[in-house]
């Protein structure tokens, strides 16, 4: 039981680091695309305002929520593996 709790703790720490890195990377890619779009299309107004509004839309997007799969998929696979190993 203690070994399982220790494994779960280590897995959660690693997954949190992966989630943070993936989230920051995805946000920076989106920001770069917004800045590039603003420059190419020659949009009127302030670039920072355009980028900020675009990132606010990104925060509510499904892509941002899909990154939570970093937690769901590995933990589900570990639970299935433990179940199959112990009860089948």
N, C-alpha and C. Protein backbone atom coordinates (compact mmCIF):
# COMPACT_ATOMS: atom_id res chain seq x y z
N UNK A 1 0.81 -1.20 0.00
CA UNK A 1 0.00 0.00 0.00
C UNK A 1 0.86 1.26 0.00
N UNK A 2 1.90 1.25 0.83
CA UNK A 2 2.79 2.41 0.89
C UNK A 2 3.55 2.57 -0.42
N UNK A 3 3.93 1.44 -1.02
CA UNK A 3 4.63 1.50 -2.31
C UNK A 3 3.72 2.10 -3.38
N UNK A 4 2.46 1.77 -3.34
CA UNK A 4 1.50 2.33 -4.30
C UNK A 4 1.31 3.83 -4.10
N UNK A 5 1.26 4.25 -2.85
CA UNK A 5 1.13 5.68 -2.57
C UNK A 5 2.37 6.44 -3.01
N UNK A 6 3.53 5.83 -2.80
CA UNK A 6 4.78 6.47 -3.22
C UNK A 6 4.83 6.57 -4.75
N UNK A 7 4.42 5.51 -5.44
CA UNK A 7 4.37 5.53 -6.90
C UNK A 7 3.40 6.60 -7.39
N UNK A 8 2.24 6.67 -6.78
CA UNK A 8 1.25 7.67 -7.18
C UNK A 8 1.78 9.09 -6.97
N UNK A 9 2.46 9.32 -5.86
CA UNK A 9 3.02 10.64 -5.60
C UNK A 9 4.06 11.02 -6.65
N UNK A 10 4.96 10.10 -6.96
CA UNK A 10 6.01 10.37 -7.96
C UNK A 10 5.39 10.60 -9.33
N UNK A 11 4.42 9.78 -9.70
CA UNK A 11 3.75 9.94 -10.99
C UNK A 11 3.05 11.29 -11.07
N UNK A 12 2.37 11.69 -10.02
CA UNK A 12 1.69 12.98 -10.03
C UNK A 12 2.66 14.15 -10.14
N UNK A 13 3.80 14.06 -9.48
CA UNK A 13 4.81 15.12 -9.58
C UNK A 13 5.34 15.21 -11.01
N UNK A 14 5.67 14.07 -11.59
CA UNK A 14 6.18 14.06 -12.96
C UNK A 14 5.12 14.57 -13.93
N UNK A 15 3.89 14.13 -13.78
CA UNK A 15 2.81 14.57 -14.67
C UNK A 15 2.53 16.06 -14.52
N UNK A 16 2.68 16.59 -13.32
CA UNK A 16 2.49 18.03 -13.11
C UNK A 16 3.57 18.82 -13.84
N UNK A 17 4.79 18.33 -13.79
CA UNK A 17 5.88 19.00 -14.51
C UNK A 17 5.63 18.94 -16.02
N UNK A 18 5.22 17.78 -16.52
CA UNK A 18 4.93 17.64 -17.94
C UNK A 18 3.77 18.54 -18.34
N UNK A 19 2.73 18.60 -17.52
CA UNK A 19 1.58 19.45 -17.81
C UNK A 19 1.97 20.92 -17.87
N UNK A 20 2.77 21.36 -16.91
CA UNK A 20 3.19 22.76 -16.88
C UNK A 20 4.02 23.11 -18.12
N UNK A 21 4.95 22.24 -18.48
CA UNK A 21 5.78 22.49 -19.66
C UNK A 21 4.94 22.49 -20.93
N UNK A 22 4.06 21.53 -21.07
CA UNK A 22 3.20 21.45 -22.25
C UNK A 22 2.25 22.63 -22.34
N UNK A 23 1.72 23.06 -21.22
CA UNK A 23 0.82 24.20 -21.21
C UNK A 23 1.54 25.48 -21.60
N UNK A 24 2.73 25.69 -21.03
CA UNK A 24 3.50 26.89 -21.37
C UNK A 24 3.93 26.87 -22.84
N UNK A 25 4.32 25.71 -23.34
CA UNK A 25 4.71 25.61 -24.74
C UNK A 25 3.53 25.90 -25.67
N UNK A 26 2.39 25.32 -25.37
CA UNK A 26 1.21 25.53 -26.20
C UNK A 26 0.79 27.00 -26.21
N UNK A 27 0.85 27.63 -25.05
CA UNK A 27 0.49 29.04 -24.96
C UNK A 27 1.47 29.92 -25.74
N UNK A 28 2.76 29.59 -25.68
CA UNK A 28 3.74 30.39 -26.41
C UNK A 28 3.59 30.22 -27.91
N UNK A 29 3.24 29.01 -28.35
CA UNK A 29 3.00 28.79 -29.78
C UNK A 29 1.79 29.59 -30.23
N UNK A 30 0.73 29.59 -29.44
CA UNK A 30 -0.47 30.36 -29.78
C UNK A 30 -0.15 31.86 -29.83
N UNK A 31 0.64 32.33 -28.88
CA UNK A 31 1.02 33.74 -28.86
C UNK A 31 1.83 34.10 -30.10
N UNK A 32 2.75 33.24 -30.48
CA UNK A 32 3.54 33.48 -31.68
C UNK A 32 2.68 33.53 -32.94
N UNK A 33 1.69 32.65 -33.02
CA UNK A 33 0.80 32.65 -34.17
C UNK A 33 -0.06 33.92 -34.21
N UNK A 34 -0.50 34.37 -33.05
CA UNK A 34 -1.29 35.60 -33.02
C UNK A 34 -0.45 36.81 -33.42
N UNK A 35 0.78 36.87 -32.95
CA UNK A 35 1.66 37.98 -33.32
C UNK A 35 1.96 37.96 -34.81
N UNK A 36 2.18 36.76 -35.35
CA UNK A 36 2.45 36.63 -36.78
C UNK A 36 1.22 37.03 -37.60
N UNK A 37 0.05 36.62 -37.16
CA UNK A 37 -1.19 36.97 -37.87
C UNK A 37 -1.41 38.48 -37.86
N UNK A 38 -1.15 39.11 -36.72
CA UNK A 38 -1.32 40.56 -36.62
C UNK A 38 -0.37 41.28 -37.58
N UNK A 39 0.87 40.79 -37.68
CA UNK A 39 1.86 41.43 -38.55
C UNK A 39 1.54 41.21 -40.02
N UNK A 40 1.09 40.01 -40.38
CA UNK A 40 0.82 39.71 -41.79
C UNK A 40 -0.42 40.42 -42.30
N UNK A 41 -1.45 40.47 -41.50
CA UNK A 41 -2.70 41.07 -41.95
C UNK A 41 -2.73 42.58 -41.75
N UNK A 42 -1.76 43.12 -41.07
CA UNK A 42 -1.70 44.56 -40.85
C UNK A 42 -2.95 45.09 -40.16
N UNK A 43 -3.34 44.42 -39.10
CA UNK A 43 -4.56 44.79 -38.39
C UNK A 43 -4.41 46.13 -37.68
N UNK A 44 -5.49 46.87 -37.64
CA UNK A 44 -5.43 48.15 -36.92
C UNK A 44 -5.44 47.91 -35.40
N UNK A 45 -4.94 48.87 -34.67
CA UNK A 45 -4.98 48.78 -33.22
C UNK A 45 -3.66 48.31 -32.65
N UNK A 46 -3.69 48.09 -31.36
CA UNK A 46 -2.51 47.72 -30.61
C UNK A 46 -2.27 46.21 -30.71
N UNK A 47 -1.02 45.83 -30.96
CA UNK A 47 -0.67 44.41 -31.09
C UNK A 47 -0.87 43.68 -29.77
N UNK A 48 -0.47 44.29 -28.65
CA UNK A 48 -0.59 43.64 -27.35
C UNK A 48 -2.05 43.35 -27.00
N UNK A 49 -2.94 44.28 -27.36
CA UNK A 49 -4.37 44.07 -27.10
C UNK A 49 -4.90 42.92 -27.93
N UNK A 50 -4.50 42.87 -29.19
CA UNK A 50 -4.93 41.77 -30.06
C UNK A 50 -4.45 40.43 -29.53
N UNK A 51 -3.19 40.37 -29.12
CA UNK A 51 -2.63 39.12 -28.59
C UNK A 51 -3.30 38.74 -27.28
N UNK A 52 -3.52 39.72 -26.40
CA UNK A 52 -4.16 39.43 -25.11
C UNK A 52 -5.57 38.88 -25.31
N UNK A 53 -6.34 39.48 -26.21
CA UNK A 53 -7.70 39.00 -26.47
C UNK A 53 -7.67 37.60 -27.09
N UNK A 54 -6.70 37.35 -27.97
CA UNK A 54 -6.57 36.02 -28.56
C UNK A 54 -6.21 34.97 -27.53
N UNK A 55 -5.35 35.34 -26.58
CA UNK A 55 -4.98 34.39 -25.53
C UNK A 55 -6.13 34.16 -24.55
N UNK A 56 -6.99 35.16 -24.35
CA UNK A 56 -8.17 34.95 -23.51
C UNK A 56 -9.12 33.97 -24.18
N UNK A 57 -9.26 34.05 -25.49
CA UNK A 57 -10.08 33.07 -26.22
C UNK A 57 -9.45 31.68 -26.11
N UNK A 58 -8.13 31.62 -26.20
CA UNK A 58 -7.41 30.34 -26.09
C UNK A 58 -7.63 29.71 -24.71
N UNK A 59 -7.67 30.54 -23.67
CA UNK A 59 -7.86 30.00 -22.32
C UNK A 59 -9.18 29.25 -22.17
N UNK A 60 -10.19 29.63 -22.94
CA UNK A 60 -11.47 28.94 -22.87
C UNK A 60 -11.66 27.88 -23.92
N UNK A 61 -10.63 27.60 -24.71
CA UNK A 61 -10.76 26.67 -25.83
C UNK A 61 -10.66 25.21 -25.38
N UNK A 62 -11.09 24.34 -26.27
CA UNK A 62 -11.03 22.90 -25.99
C UNK A 62 -9.59 22.41 -26.01
N UNK A 63 -8.74 23.03 -26.80
CA UNK A 63 -7.33 22.62 -26.86
C UNK A 63 -6.67 22.73 -25.49
N UNK A 64 -6.99 23.77 -24.78
CA UNK A 64 -6.42 23.96 -23.45
C UNK A 64 -6.89 22.85 -22.50
N UNK A 65 -8.14 22.46 -22.65
CA UNK A 65 -8.68 21.40 -21.79
C UNK A 65 -8.14 20.02 -22.17
N UNK A 66 -7.80 19.83 -23.44
CA UNK A 66 -7.26 18.55 -23.86
C UNK A 66 -5.89 18.27 -23.26
N UNK A 67 -5.18 19.31 -22.87
CA UNK A 67 -3.88 19.11 -22.25
C UNK A 67 -4.02 18.38 -20.92
N UNK A 68 -5.20 18.44 -20.30
CA UNK A 68 -5.43 17.70 -19.05
C UNK A 68 -5.36 16.19 -19.26
N UNK A 69 -5.37 15.76 -20.52
CA UNK A 69 -5.17 14.35 -20.82
C UNK A 69 -3.83 13.83 -20.32
N UNK A 70 -2.91 14.74 -20.06
CA UNK A 70 -1.61 14.37 -19.50
C UNK A 70 -1.82 13.67 -18.16
N UNK A 71 -2.83 14.06 -17.42
CA UNK A 71 -3.13 13.40 -16.15
C UNK A 71 -4.01 12.17 -16.36
N UNK A 72 -5.03 12.30 -17.17
CA UNK A 72 -6.06 11.28 -17.28
C UNK A 72 -5.54 9.99 -17.91
N UNK A 73 -4.84 10.09 -19.02
CA UNK A 73 -4.42 8.89 -19.75
C UNK A 73 -3.44 8.03 -18.95
N UNK A 74 -2.34 8.57 -18.44
CA UNK A 74 -1.42 7.70 -17.69
C UNK A 74 -2.03 7.11 -16.42
N UNK A 75 -2.80 7.91 -15.69
CA UNK A 75 -3.40 7.38 -14.46
C UNK A 75 -4.42 6.29 -14.76
N UNK A 76 -5.16 6.43 -15.85
CA UNK A 76 -6.11 5.39 -16.25
C UNK A 76 -5.37 4.12 -16.66
N UNK A 77 -4.30 4.27 -17.42
CA UNK A 77 -3.52 3.09 -17.81
C UNK A 77 -2.91 2.38 -16.61
N UNK A 78 -2.42 3.12 -15.64
CA UNK A 78 -1.87 2.51 -14.44
C UNK A 78 -2.96 1.76 -13.67
N UNK A 79 -4.14 2.37 -13.55
CA UNK A 79 -5.25 1.71 -12.84
C UNK A 79 -5.67 0.43 -13.56
N UNK A 80 -5.76 0.47 -14.88
CA UNK A 80 -6.14 -0.72 -15.64
C UNK A 80 -5.07 -1.80 -15.50
N UNK A 81 -3.81 -1.41 -15.56
CA UNK A 81 -2.72 -2.37 -15.40
C UNK A 81 -2.75 -3.03 -14.03
N UNK A 82 -2.98 -2.27 -12.99
CA UNK A 82 -3.08 -2.82 -11.63
C UNK A 82 -4.27 -3.76 -11.53
N UNK A 83 -5.40 -3.38 -12.09
CA UNK A 83 -6.60 -4.23 -12.05
C UNK A 83 -6.36 -5.54 -12.78
N UNK A 84 -5.81 -5.45 -13.98
CA UNK A 84 -5.57 -6.67 -14.78
C UNK A 84 -4.56 -7.57 -14.08
N UNK A 85 -3.55 -7.00 -13.52
CA UNK A 85 -2.52 -7.80 -12.85
C UNK A 85 -3.07 -8.49 -11.61
N UNK A 86 -3.90 -7.82 -10.86
CA UNK A 86 -4.37 -8.39 -9.60
C UNK A 86 -5.63 -9.23 -9.70
N UNK A 87 -6.52 -8.93 -10.64
CA UNK A 87 -7.83 -9.56 -10.62
C UNK A 87 -8.16 -10.37 -11.85
N UNK A 88 -7.26 -10.52 -12.78
CA UNK A 88 -7.58 -11.35 -13.97
C UNK A 88 -6.63 -12.50 -14.09
